[in-house]
Amino acid sequence: MSVPSPPPWSDRERGEITLDLVARHEHGGQRADAVRNRARVLDAASRIAARCGAGNLTMDAVAAEAAVGKGTVFRHFGDRAGLLIALLDRAEHELQAAILSGQPPLGPGAPPRDRLHAFGTAVLRHERRHQDLYLAAVADAQRRFAAPAQRVRHRHVAMLVGTLVPGADADLLAHSLLGYLDPVLTYHLRQQRGLDEGRLEAGWADLVDRVCR
């Protein structure tokens, strides 16, 4: 029995869905002053992460850096994991913009297989630049796959896979492909196995070609 693939949404529809996910997570209908306070806290957290590493981020330190009460930080982000996920989403904006409206093959206009190739390469390079943040943010197993950034990635890959492999369970195949890009795995492969970036990128292209041929 074949499994229905996702609907062949257009690049415009894909962009609207992606941007809506990010916008809802960041603002959630809050008042203007609350939005400003949230941004102020995120700016403070970004500075601390740059100085001390995301793994050393604490709610107390962020509150002091932002010159707000600790309750304000908890009110906006819930806990430390929520704050890290918000920082991760902010780091994803540049990558998402390139996927939505950048030049092909990463952006619209290229064949689906070429876009998948470019997507994996872009994610590997992006995660390497922000490695410390990704390793800290994915520590919460209950929320790592529900984070808006991860949901956006999954939706994008699932739609491309659904186009390339009609009748496949594109939802599950997308999760399988994204497993290759897991920041904990790529950290292990780079730091503990000594694999260089070229091999990782070639491995992604090979995996895409084998799954989608």
N, C-alpha and C. Protein backbone atom coordinates (compact mmCIF):
# COMPACT_ATOMS: atom_id res chain seq x y z
N MET A 1 0.85 -1.20 0.00
CA MET A 1 0.00 0.00 0.00
C MET A 1 0.88 1.24 0.00
N SER A 2 0.60 2.15 -0.90
CA SER A 2 1.41 3.36 -0.96
C SER A 2 0.96 4.35 0.10
N VAL A 3 1.91 5.17 0.54
CA VAL A 3 1.62 6.20 1.53
C VAL A 3 1.53 7.53 0.83
N PRO A 4 0.47 8.30 1.05
CA PRO A 4 0.34 9.58 0.34
C PRO A 4 1.49 10.51 0.68
N SER A 5 1.98 11.18 -0.32
CA SER A 5 3.04 12.17 -0.09
C SER A 5 2.41 13.50 0.23
N PRO A 6 3.19 14.44 0.82
CA PRO A 6 2.65 15.75 1.15
C PRO A 6 2.19 16.47 -0.11
N PRO A 7 1.27 17.40 0.00
CA PRO A 7 0.81 18.14 -1.18
C PRO A 7 1.94 18.95 -1.79
N PRO A 8 1.96 19.05 -3.13
CA PRO A 8 3.05 19.77 -3.81
C PRO A 8 2.90 21.27 -3.66
N TRP A 9 3.13 21.78 -2.46
CA TRP A 9 2.99 23.21 -2.22
C TRP A 9 4.02 24.00 -3.00
N SER A 10 3.64 25.19 -3.34
CA SER A 10 4.54 26.06 -4.09
C SER A 10 5.60 26.65 -3.16
N ASP A 11 6.64 27.24 -3.77
CA ASP A 11 7.68 27.90 -2.97
C ASP A 11 7.07 29.05 -2.18
N ARG A 12 6.08 29.76 -2.75
CA ARG A 12 5.45 30.86 -2.04
C ARG A 12 4.74 30.35 -0.79
N GLU A 13 3.98 29.24 -0.94
CA GLU A 13 3.28 28.69 0.21
C GLU A 13 4.26 28.19 1.25
N ARG A 14 5.34 27.58 0.78
CA ARG A 14 6.35 27.07 1.70
C ARG A 14 6.94 28.22 2.50
N GLY A 15 7.21 29.34 1.85
CA GLY A 15 7.78 30.49 2.54
C GLY A 15 6.83 31.06 3.57
N GLU A 16 5.53 31.14 3.23
CA GLU A 16 4.57 31.69 4.17
C GLU A 16 4.47 30.84 5.41
N ILE A 17 4.48 29.51 5.24
CA ILE A 17 4.38 28.61 6.39
C ILE A 17 5.61 28.76 7.27
N THR A 18 6.78 28.80 6.66
CA THR A 18 8.01 28.89 7.43
C THR A 18 8.07 30.19 8.22
N LEU A 19 7.79 31.29 7.57
CA LEU A 19 7.87 32.57 8.26
C LEU A 19 6.83 32.67 9.36
N ASP A 20 5.67 32.05 9.16
CA ASP A 20 4.63 32.09 10.17
C ASP A 20 5.06 31.33 11.42
N LEU A 21 5.74 30.21 11.24
CA LEU A 21 6.22 29.46 12.39
C LEU A 21 7.17 30.29 13.23
N VAL A 22 8.11 30.94 12.57
CA VAL A 22 9.09 31.74 13.29
C VAL A 22 8.42 32.93 13.96
N ALA A 23 7.52 33.61 13.23
CA ALA A 23 6.91 34.81 13.78
C ALA A 23 6.05 34.49 15.00
N ARG A 24 5.27 33.44 14.96
CA ARG A 24 4.44 33.10 16.11
C ARG A 24 5.29 32.79 17.32
N HIS A 25 6.39 32.06 17.09
CA HIS A 25 7.24 31.68 18.22
C HIS A 25 7.89 32.91 18.86
N GLU A 26 8.25 33.88 18.03
CA GLU A 26 9.01 35.01 18.56
C GLU A 26 8.12 36.03 19.26
N HIS A 27 6.89 36.24 18.77
CA HIS A 27 6.11 37.34 19.31
C HIS A 27 4.82 36.91 20.01
N GLY A 28 4.13 35.92 19.44
CA GLY A 28 2.97 35.34 20.11
C GLY A 28 1.92 36.34 20.52
N GLY A 29 1.75 37.43 19.77
CA GLY A 29 0.72 38.40 20.09
C GLY A 29 1.01 39.25 21.32
N GLN A 30 2.26 39.33 21.74
CA GLN A 30 2.60 40.10 22.93
C GLN A 30 2.53 41.60 22.65
N ARG A 31 2.41 42.39 23.72
CA ARG A 31 2.45 43.84 23.60
C ARG A 31 3.84 44.29 23.13
N ALA A 32 3.88 45.51 22.62
CA ALA A 32 5.14 46.02 22.07
C ALA A 32 6.24 46.06 23.12
N ASP A 33 5.91 46.46 24.35
CA ASP A 33 6.94 46.52 25.38
C ASP A 33 7.42 45.13 25.76
N ALA A 34 6.52 44.15 25.72
CA ALA A 34 6.93 42.78 26.03
C ALA A 34 7.84 42.24 24.93
N VAL A 35 7.53 42.57 23.69
CA VAL A 35 8.38 42.14 22.57
C VAL A 35 9.77 42.75 22.71
N ARG A 36 9.82 44.04 23.09
CA ARG A 36 11.12 44.69 23.27
C ARG A 36 11.90 44.04 24.41
N ASN A 37 11.23 43.72 25.51
CA ASN A 37 11.91 43.07 26.63
C ASN A 37 12.44 41.70 26.22
N ARG A 38 11.64 40.99 25.44
CA ARG A 38 12.08 39.66 24.99
C ARG A 38 13.33 39.77 24.13
N ALA A 39 13.33 40.73 23.20
CA ALA A 39 14.50 40.94 22.35
C ALA A 39 15.71 41.37 23.18
N ARG A 40 15.47 42.19 24.20
CA ARG A 40 16.56 42.64 25.06
C ARG A 40 17.19 41.45 25.79
N VAL A 41 16.36 40.54 26.27
CA VAL A 41 16.87 39.36 26.96
C VAL A 41 17.64 38.47 25.99
N LEU A 42 17.12 38.30 24.78
CA LEU A 42 17.82 37.48 23.79
C LEU A 42 19.16 38.09 23.41
N ASP A 43 19.20 39.42 23.28
CA ASP A 43 20.48 40.09 22.99
C ASP A 43 21.48 39.83 24.11
N ALA A 44 21.02 39.91 25.34
CA ALA A 44 21.90 39.66 26.48
C ALA A 44 22.39 38.22 26.48
N ALA A 45 21.49 37.28 26.20
CA ALA A 45 21.88 35.87 26.16
C ALA A 45 22.88 35.61 25.05
N SER A 46 22.70 36.27 23.91
CA SER A 46 23.65 36.11 22.80
C SER A 46 25.04 36.60 23.18
N ARG A 47 25.10 37.72 23.90
CA ARG A 47 26.41 38.25 24.32
C ARG A 47 27.10 37.29 25.29
N ILE A 48 26.34 36.76 26.23
CA ILE A 48 26.93 35.83 27.20
C ILE A 48 27.40 34.56 26.50
N ALA A 49 26.57 34.04 25.57
CA ALA A 49 26.95 32.83 24.85
C ALA A 49 28.23 33.06 24.05
N ALA A 50 28.37 34.25 23.46
CA ALA A 50 29.58 34.55 22.69
C ALA A 50 30.80 34.64 23.58
N ARG A 51 30.63 35.18 24.81
CA ARG A 51 31.76 35.33 25.72
C ARG A 51 32.13 34.03 26.43
N CYS A 52 31.12 33.32 26.90
CA CYS A 52 31.35 32.19 27.80
C CYS A 52 30.96 30.84 27.26
N GLY A 53 30.27 30.82 26.11
CA GLY A 53 29.78 29.56 25.57
C GLY A 53 28.33 29.33 25.97
N ALA A 54 27.54 28.83 25.03
CA ALA A 54 26.11 28.61 25.30
C ALA A 54 25.90 27.59 26.41
N GLY A 55 26.81 26.64 26.55
CA GLY A 55 26.67 25.63 27.59
C GLY A 55 26.77 26.22 28.99
N ASN A 56 27.34 27.41 29.13
CA ASN A 56 27.51 28.05 30.44
C ASN A 56 26.45 29.12 30.71
N LEU A 57 25.45 29.20 29.84
CA LEU A 57 24.40 30.20 30.00
C LEU A 57 23.52 29.87 31.20
N THR A 58 23.27 30.85 32.04
CA THR A 58 22.36 30.67 33.18
C THR A 58 21.31 31.78 33.15
N MET A 59 20.15 31.50 33.72
CA MET A 59 19.08 32.49 33.76
C MET A 59 19.50 33.69 34.61
N ASP A 60 20.21 33.45 35.70
CA ASP A 60 20.67 34.55 36.55
C ASP A 60 21.59 35.49 35.78
N ALA A 61 22.54 34.90 35.05
CA ALA A 61 23.49 35.72 34.31
C ALA A 61 22.79 36.53 33.22
N VAL A 62 21.82 35.92 32.55
CA VAL A 62 21.10 36.61 31.49
C VAL A 62 20.29 37.77 32.07
N ALA A 63 19.62 37.54 33.19
CA ALA A 63 18.84 38.60 33.82
C ALA A 63 19.73 39.78 34.20
N ALA A 64 20.91 39.48 34.77
CA ALA A 64 21.83 40.54 35.16
C ALA A 64 22.34 41.29 33.95
N GLU A 65 22.67 40.57 32.88
CA GLU A 65 23.18 41.21 31.67
C GLU A 65 22.13 42.11 31.02
N ALA A 66 20.88 41.65 31.06
CA ALA A 66 19.79 42.41 30.45
C ALA A 66 19.23 43.49 31.37
N ALA A 67 19.68 43.49 32.63
CA ALA A 67 19.18 44.44 33.63
C ALA A 67 17.67 44.32 33.81
N VAL A 68 17.21 43.06 33.93
CA VAL A 68 15.80 42.80 34.20
C VAL A 68 15.74 41.80 35.35
N GLY A 69 14.56 41.63 35.93
CA GLY A 69 14.39 40.63 36.96
C GLY A 69 14.42 39.23 36.37
N LYS A 70 14.86 38.26 37.17
CA LYS A 70 14.91 36.89 36.68
C LYS A 70 13.52 36.39 36.29
N GLY A 71 12.49 36.90 36.99
CA GLY A 71 11.13 36.51 36.64
C GLY A 71 10.75 36.88 35.22
N THR A 72 11.30 38.00 34.73
CA THR A 72 11.03 38.42 33.35
C THR A 72 11.59 37.40 32.37
N VAL A 73 12.78 36.90 32.65
CA VAL A 73 13.39 35.91 31.77
C VAL A 73 12.56 34.63 31.76
N PHE A 74 12.16 34.17 32.94
CA PHE A 74 11.35 32.96 33.01
C PHE A 74 9.98 33.16 32.36
N ARG A 75 9.42 34.34 32.50
CA ARG A 75 8.10 34.60 31.94
C ARG A 75 8.11 34.50 30.41
N HIS A 76 9.20 34.95 29.79
CA HIS A 76 9.27 34.92 28.34
C HIS A 76 9.69 33.57 27.78
N PHE A 77 10.53 32.83 28.52
CA PHE A 77 11.14 31.63 27.94
C PHE A 77 10.85 30.36 28.72
N GLY A 78 10.27 30.45 29.88
CA GLY A 78 9.90 29.27 30.63
C GLY A 78 11.03 28.70 31.46
N ASP A 79 12.14 28.38 30.83
CA ASP A 79 13.31 27.84 31.52
C ASP A 79 14.53 28.01 30.62
N ARG A 80 15.65 27.49 31.08
CA ARG A 80 16.90 27.65 30.33
C ARG A 80 16.81 27.00 28.94
N ALA A 81 16.18 25.82 28.88
CA ALA A 81 16.05 25.14 27.59
C ALA A 81 15.23 25.98 26.61
N GLY A 82 14.17 26.61 27.11
CA GLY A 82 13.37 27.47 26.25
C GLY A 82 14.14 28.66 25.74
N LEU A 83 15.00 29.22 26.58
CA LEU A 83 15.85 30.33 26.16
C LEU A 83 16.84 29.89 25.09
N LEU A 84 17.44 28.74 25.27
CA LEU A 84 18.40 28.24 24.28
C LEU A 84 17.72 27.97 22.94
N ILE A 85 16.50 27.42 22.98
CA ILE A 85 15.78 27.16 21.74
C ILE A 85 15.45 28.47 21.04
N ALA A 86 15.11 29.50 21.81
CA ALA A 86 14.85 30.81 21.20
C ALA A 86 16.11 31.37 20.55
N LEU A 87 17.26 31.19 21.18
CA LEU A 87 18.52 31.62 20.57
C LEU A 87 18.81 30.83 19.30
N LEU A 88 18.51 29.54 19.33
CA LEU A 88 18.72 28.70 18.15
C LEU A 88 17.83 29.18 17.01
N ASP A 89 16.57 29.49 17.31
CA ASP A 89 15.66 29.98 16.27
C ASP A 89 16.18 31.28 15.66
N ARG A 90 16.72 32.14 16.51
CA ARG A 90 17.27 33.40 16.00
C ARG A 90 18.44 33.12 15.07
N ALA A 91 19.30 32.17 15.44
CA ALA A 91 20.45 31.83 14.60
C ALA A 91 20.01 31.23 13.26
N GLU A 92 18.82 30.64 13.23
CA GLU A 92 18.33 30.00 12.01
C GLU A 92 17.78 31.00 11.00
N HIS A 93 17.52 32.22 11.39
CA HIS A 93 16.86 33.18 10.49
C HIS A 93 17.63 33.36 9.19
N GLU A 94 18.94 33.51 9.28
CA GLU A 94 19.74 33.73 8.08
C GLU A 94 19.64 32.52 7.14
N LEU A 95 19.73 31.32 7.72
CA LEU A 95 19.63 30.10 6.91
C LEU A 95 18.25 30.00 6.28
N GLN A 96 17.20 30.27 7.04
CA GLN A 96 15.85 30.17 6.51
C GLN A 96 15.61 31.18 5.40
N ALA A 97 16.16 32.38 5.55
CA ALA A 97 16.00 33.39 4.50
C ALA A 97 16.63 32.92 3.19
N ALA A 98 17.78 32.25 3.29
CA ALA A 98 18.44 31.75 2.09
C ALA A 98 17.62 30.65 1.43
N ILE A 99 16.98 29.81 2.26
CA ILE A 99 16.15 28.73 1.72
C ILE A 99 14.89 29.30 1.06
N LEU A 100 14.29 30.30 1.66
CA LEU A 100 13.03 30.85 1.18
C LEU A 100 13.17 31.73 -0.04
N SER A 101 14.19 32.57 -0.05
CA SER A 101 14.27 33.57 -1.10
C SER A 101 15.68 33.81 -1.62
N GLY A 102 16.61 32.94 -1.25
CA GLY A 102 17.98 33.10 -1.71
C GLY A 102 18.18 32.58 -3.12
N GLN A 103 19.42 32.60 -3.54
CA GLN A 103 19.75 32.13 -4.88
C GLN A 103 19.67 30.60 -4.95
N PRO A 104 19.23 30.06 -6.09
CA PRO A 104 19.29 28.60 -6.26
C PRO A 104 20.75 28.14 -6.33
N PRO A 105 21.06 26.93 -5.96
CA PRO A 105 20.11 25.85 -5.71
C PRO A 105 19.52 25.80 -4.29
N LEU A 106 20.07 26.56 -3.33
CA LEU A 106 19.48 26.51 -1.99
C LEU A 106 18.11 27.16 -1.99
N GLY A 107 17.98 28.29 -2.66
CA GLY A 107 16.70 28.97 -2.74
C GLY A 107 15.84 28.44 -3.87
N PRO A 108 14.65 29.01 -4.05
CA PRO A 108 13.71 28.54 -5.08
C PRO A 108 14.29 28.66 -6.48
N GLY A 109 13.79 27.75 -7.36
CA GLY A 109 14.17 27.83 -8.76
C GLY A 109 15.00 26.67 -9.26
N ALA A 110 15.58 25.89 -8.36
CA ALA A 110 16.39 24.74 -8.75
C ALA A 110 15.56 23.46 -8.64
N PRO A 111 15.97 22.37 -9.32
CA PRO A 111 15.26 21.09 -9.18
C PRO A 111 15.31 20.62 -7.72
N PRO A 112 14.31 19.84 -7.29
CA PRO A 112 14.25 19.40 -5.88
C PRO A 112 15.50 18.69 -5.41
N ARG A 113 16.09 17.83 -6.24
CA ARG A 113 17.29 17.10 -5.81
C ARG A 113 18.44 18.08 -5.56
N ASP A 114 18.60 19.05 -6.44
CA ASP A 114 19.66 20.04 -6.25
C ASP A 114 19.42 20.86 -4.99
N ARG A 115 18.15 21.16 -4.71
CA ARG A 115 17.85 21.92 -3.50
C ARG A 115 18.15 21.10 -2.24
N LEU A 116 17.88 19.81 -2.30
CA LEU A 116 18.21 18.96 -1.15
C LEU A 116 19.71 18.89 -0.94
N HIS A 117 20.47 18.72 -2.02
CA HIS A 117 21.93 18.73 -1.91
C HIS A 117 22.40 20.02 -1.25
N ALA A 118 21.92 21.14 -1.75
CA ALA A 118 22.36 22.44 -1.23
C ALA A 118 21.90 22.65 0.21
N PHE A 119 20.72 22.15 0.55
CA PHE A 119 20.20 22.29 1.91
C PHE A 119 21.13 21.63 2.92
N GLY A 120 21.51 20.38 2.67
CA GLY A 120 22.38 19.68 3.61
C GLY A 120 23.72 20.36 3.77
N THR A 121 24.31 20.80 2.67
CA THR A 121 25.58 21.51 2.73
C THR A 121 25.45 22.78 3.56
N ALA A 122 24.38 23.54 3.32
CA ALA A 122 24.19 24.79 4.05
C ALA A 122 23.99 24.53 5.55
N VAL A 123 23.23 23.49 5.89
CA VAL A 123 22.99 23.18 7.31
C VAL A 123 24.28 22.74 7.98
N LEU A 124 25.06 21.90 7.33
CA LEU A 124 26.33 21.46 7.92
C LEU A 124 27.24 22.65 8.23
N ARG A 125 27.33 23.57 7.30
CA ARG A 125 28.21 24.73 7.49
C ARG A 125 27.64 25.67 8.56
N HIS A 126 26.32 25.84 8.56
CA HIS A 126 25.68 26.70 9.54
C HIS A 126 25.85 26.14 10.95
N GLU A 127 25.63 24.85 11.11
CA GLU A 127 25.77 24.23 12.43
C GLU A 127 27.21 24.25 12.91
N ARG A 128 28.14 24.16 12.00
CA ARG A 128 29.53 24.23 12.42
C ARG A 128 29.86 25.61 12.98
N ARG A 129 29.33 26.66 12.35
CA ARG A 129 29.58 28.03 12.83
C ARG A 129 28.94 28.27 14.20
N HIS A 130 27.81 27.61 14.47
CA HIS A 130 27.07 27.82 15.72
C HIS A 130 27.07 26.54 16.57
N GLN A 131 28.14 25.78 16.49
CA GLN A 131 28.19 24.46 17.10
C GLN A 131 27.88 24.48 18.59
N ASP A 132 28.45 25.42 19.30
CA ASP A 132 28.27 25.48 20.75
C ASP A 132 26.79 25.66 21.11
N LEU A 133 26.11 26.53 20.39
CA LEU A 133 24.69 26.78 20.65
C LEU A 133 23.85 25.55 20.34
N TYR A 134 24.11 24.91 19.22
CA TYR A 134 23.32 23.74 18.86
C TYR A 134 23.50 22.60 19.86
N LEU A 135 24.71 22.37 20.30
CA LEU A 135 24.95 21.31 21.27
C LEU A 135 24.24 21.58 22.59
N ALA A 136 24.20 22.85 23.00
CA ALA A 136 23.51 23.19 24.24
C ALA A 136 22.00 23.10 24.08
N ALA A 137 21.49 23.52 22.92
CA ALA A 137 20.05 23.60 22.72
C ALA A 137 19.39 22.25 22.53
N VAL A 138 20.11 21.25 22.02
CA VAL A 138 19.49 19.96 21.75
C VAL A 138 19.53 19.02 22.94
N ALA A 139 20.00 19.51 24.08
CA ALA A 139 20.11 18.64 25.25
C ALA A 139 18.76 18.20 25.79
N ASP A 140 17.72 19.00 25.57
CA ASP A 140 16.38 18.67 26.06
C ASP A 140 15.69 17.80 25.01
N ALA A 141 15.68 16.49 25.24
CA ALA A 141 15.15 15.54 24.26
C ALA A 141 13.66 15.75 24.00
N GLN A 142 12.92 16.22 24.99
CA GLN A 142 11.49 16.37 24.83
C GLN A 142 11.13 17.53 23.90
N ARG A 143 12.04 18.48 23.75
CA ARG A 143 11.71 19.66 22.95
C ARG A 143 12.55 19.83 21.70
N ARG A 144 13.58 19.04 21.52
CA ARG A 144 14.49 19.30 20.41
C ARG A 144 13.81 19.16 19.05
N PHE A 145 12.87 18.22 18.91
CA PHE A 145 12.21 18.03 17.62
C PHE A 145 10.98 18.92 17.47
N ALA A 146 10.53 19.52 18.57
CA ALA A 146 9.37 20.41 18.51
C ALA A 146 9.78 21.87 18.32
N ALA A 147 11.08 22.15 18.39
CA ALA A 147 11.54 23.53 18.21
C ALA A 147 11.15 24.03 16.82
N PRO A 148 10.69 25.28 16.71
CA PRO A 148 10.27 25.79 15.41
C PRO A 148 11.31 25.61 14.31
N ALA A 149 12.59 25.83 14.63
CA ALA A 149 13.63 25.69 13.61
C ALA A 149 13.65 24.27 13.05
N GLN A 150 13.51 23.27 13.92
CA GLN A 150 13.53 21.88 13.47
C GLN A 150 12.28 21.55 12.67
N ARG A 151 11.15 22.09 13.06
CA ARG A 151 9.92 21.83 12.32
C ARG A 151 9.98 22.44 10.92
N VAL A 152 10.59 23.61 10.82
CA VAL A 152 10.74 24.25 9.52
C VAL A 152 11.64 23.39 8.62
N ARG A 153 12.74 22.92 9.15
CA ARG A 153 13.63 22.07 8.36
C ARG A 153 12.90 20.81 7.89
N HIS A 154 12.17 20.20 8.81
CA HIS A 154 11.48 18.95 8.46
C HIS A 154 10.44 19.20 7.37
N ARG A 155 9.67 20.28 7.49
CA ARG A 155 8.66 20.57 6.47
C ARG A 155 9.30 20.78 5.10
N HIS A 156 10.39 21.50 5.07
CA HIS A 156 11.08 21.78 3.80
C HIS A 156 11.58 20.48 3.16
N VAL A 157 12.26 19.66 3.95
CA VAL A 157 12.81 18.41 3.41
C VAL A 157 11.68 17.46 2.99
N ALA A 158 10.63 17.37 3.79
CA ALA A 158 9.52 16.46 3.46
C ALA A 158 8.87 16.85 2.14
N MET A 159 8.72 18.13 1.88
CA MET A 159 8.10 18.55 0.62
C MET A 159 9.00 18.22 -0.57
N LEU A 160 10.30 18.42 -0.41
CA LEU A 160 11.20 18.08 -1.51
C LEU A 160 11.23 16.58 -1.75
N VAL A 161 11.28 15.79 -0.68
CA VAL A 161 11.28 14.33 -0.81
C VAL A 161 9.96 13.85 -1.43
N GLY A 162 8.84 14.45 -1.01
CA GLY A 162 7.56 14.06 -1.57
C GLY A 162 7.49 14.28 -3.07
N THR A 163 8.19 15.30 -3.56
CA THR A 163 8.24 15.55 -5.00
C THR A 163 9.14 14.54 -5.71
N LEU A 164 10.23 14.18 -5.07
CA LEU A 164 11.22 13.29 -5.69
C LEU A 164 10.82 11.82 -5.62
N VAL A 165 10.11 11.43 -4.57
CA VAL A 165 9.76 10.02 -4.37
C VAL A 165 8.25 9.91 -4.16
N PRO A 166 7.47 10.04 -5.21
CA PRO A 166 6.01 9.97 -5.07
C PRO A 166 5.58 8.63 -4.45
N GLY A 167 4.64 8.70 -3.52
CA GLY A 167 4.13 7.49 -2.89
C GLY A 167 4.91 7.07 -1.66
N ALA A 168 6.07 7.69 -1.41
CA ALA A 168 6.84 7.34 -0.22
C ALA A 168 6.27 8.07 1.00
N ASP A 169 6.63 7.57 2.18
CA ASP A 169 6.25 8.26 3.41
C ASP A 169 7.27 9.39 3.61
N ALA A 170 7.00 10.51 2.95
CA ALA A 170 7.97 11.62 2.94
C ALA A 170 8.20 12.17 4.34
N ASP A 171 7.20 12.08 5.20
CA ASP A 171 7.35 12.59 6.56
C ASP A 171 8.46 11.83 7.30
N LEU A 172 8.41 10.49 7.24
CA LEU A 172 9.42 9.70 7.93
C LEU A 172 10.77 9.75 7.22
N LEU A 173 10.75 9.76 5.89
CA LEU A 173 12.01 9.86 5.17
C LEU A 173 12.72 11.18 5.49
N ALA A 174 11.96 12.24 5.66
CA ALA A 174 12.57 13.52 6.02
C ALA A 174 13.25 13.44 7.37
N HIS A 175 12.62 12.79 8.34
CA HIS A 175 13.26 12.61 9.64
C HIS A 175 14.56 11.81 9.50
N SER A 176 14.53 10.77 8.67
CA SER A 176 15.72 9.94 8.48
C SER A 176 16.86 10.76 7.88
N LEU A 177 16.54 11.56 6.86
CA LEU A 177 17.57 12.39 6.24
C LEU A 177 18.11 13.42 7.23
N LEU A 178 17.24 14.04 8.00
CA LEU A 178 17.68 15.05 8.95
C LEU A 178 18.54 14.46 10.06
N GLY A 179 18.38 13.15 10.31
CA GLY A 179 19.23 12.50 11.30
C GLY A 179 20.70 12.60 10.94
N TYR A 180 20.99 12.62 9.64
CA TYR A 180 22.39 12.77 9.20
C TYR A 180 22.96 14.12 9.61
N LEU A 181 22.09 15.13 9.71
CA LEU A 181 22.51 16.50 10.01
C LEU A 181 22.42 16.82 11.50
N ASP A 182 22.13 15.83 12.32
CA ASP A 182 22.01 16.06 13.76
C ASP A 182 23.32 16.64 14.29
N PRO A 183 23.26 17.76 15.01
CA PRO A 183 24.49 18.43 15.44
C PRO A 183 25.33 17.60 16.39
N VAL A 184 24.71 16.72 17.18
CA VAL A 184 25.50 15.86 18.06
C VAL A 184 26.30 14.85 17.23
N LEU A 185 25.65 14.28 16.21
CA LEU A 185 26.35 13.33 15.34
C LEU A 185 27.47 14.02 14.57
N THR A 186 27.18 15.18 13.98
CA THR A 186 28.23 15.83 13.18
C THR A 186 29.38 16.31 14.07
N TYR A 187 29.07 16.71 15.31
CA TYR A 187 30.15 17.05 16.24
C TYR A 187 31.04 15.84 16.48
N HIS A 188 30.42 14.68 16.73
CA HIS A 188 31.18 13.44 16.94
C HIS A 188 32.05 13.12 15.72
N LEU A 189 31.45 13.23 14.54
CA LEU A 189 32.20 12.88 13.33
C LEU A 189 33.37 13.83 13.09
N ARG A 190 33.15 15.12 13.39
CA ARG A 190 34.24 16.09 13.18
C ARG A 190 35.32 15.97 14.25
N GLN A 191 34.88 16.02 15.50
CA GLN A 191 35.83 16.15 16.61
C GLN A 191 36.41 14.83 17.07
N GLN A 192 35.60 13.77 17.06
CA GLN A 192 36.08 12.50 17.60
C GLN A 192 36.51 11.51 16.52
N ARG A 193 35.94 11.64 15.33
CA ARG A 193 36.34 10.77 14.24
C ARG A 193 37.29 11.46 13.27
N GLY A 194 37.37 12.77 13.33
CA GLY A 194 38.30 13.50 12.48
C GLY A 194 37.88 13.65 11.03
N LEU A 195 36.59 13.52 10.74
CA LEU A 195 36.13 13.68 9.36
C LEU A 195 36.15 15.16 8.98
N ASP A 196 36.59 15.44 7.76
CA ASP A 196 36.60 16.83 7.32
C ASP A 196 35.25 17.20 6.70
N GLU A 197 35.06 18.51 6.51
CA GLU A 197 33.77 19.00 6.03
C GLU A 197 33.44 18.48 4.65
N GLY A 198 34.46 18.34 3.79
CA GLY A 198 34.21 17.84 2.44
C GLY A 198 33.62 16.45 2.44
N ARG A 199 34.11 15.58 3.32
CA ARG A 199 33.58 14.22 3.37
C ARG A 199 32.14 14.22 3.88
N LEU A 200 31.85 15.04 4.88
CA LEU A 200 30.49 15.11 5.40
C LEU A 200 29.52 15.60 4.32
N GLU A 201 29.92 16.61 3.58
CA GLU A 201 29.05 17.14 2.54
C GLU A 201 28.86 16.14 1.41
N ALA A 202 29.92 15.43 1.05
CA ALA A 202 29.80 14.40 0.01
C ALA A 202 28.91 13.26 0.48
N GLY A 203 29.01 12.93 1.77
CA GLY A 203 28.16 11.88 2.32
C GLY A 203 26.69 12.25 2.27
N TRP A 204 26.39 13.53 2.54
CA TRP A 204 25.00 13.98 2.44
C TRP A 204 24.47 13.84 1.01
N ALA A 205 25.26 14.30 0.05
CA ALA A 205 24.82 14.21 -1.35
C ALA A 205 24.60 12.75 -1.76
N ASP A 206 25.48 11.87 -1.32
CA ASP A 206 25.34 10.45 -1.64
C ASP A 206 24.07 9.87 -1.02
N LEU A 207 23.80 10.24 0.23
CA LEU A 207 22.59 9.76 0.90
C LEU A 207 21.34 10.22 0.18
N VAL A 208 21.29 11.50 -0.19
CA VAL A 208 20.14 12.03 -0.91
C VAL A 208 19.93 11.27 -2.22
N ASP A 209 21.01 11.04 -2.95
CA ASP A 209 20.90 10.37 -4.24
C ASP A 209 20.41 8.93 -4.08
N ARG A 210 20.86 8.25 -3.04
CA ARG A 210 20.44 6.86 -2.83
C ARG A 210 18.98 6.78 -2.39
N VAL A 211 18.56 7.72 -1.55
CA VAL A 211 17.18 7.70 -1.06
C VAL A 211 16.20 8.13 -2.16
N CYS A 212 16.61 9.08 -2.98
CA CYS A 212 15.68 9.71 -3.92
C CYS A 212 15.86 9.30 -5.36
N ARG A 213 16.67 8.30 -5.63
CA ARG A 213 16.86 7.92 -7.04
C ARG A 213 15.63 7.21 -7.57
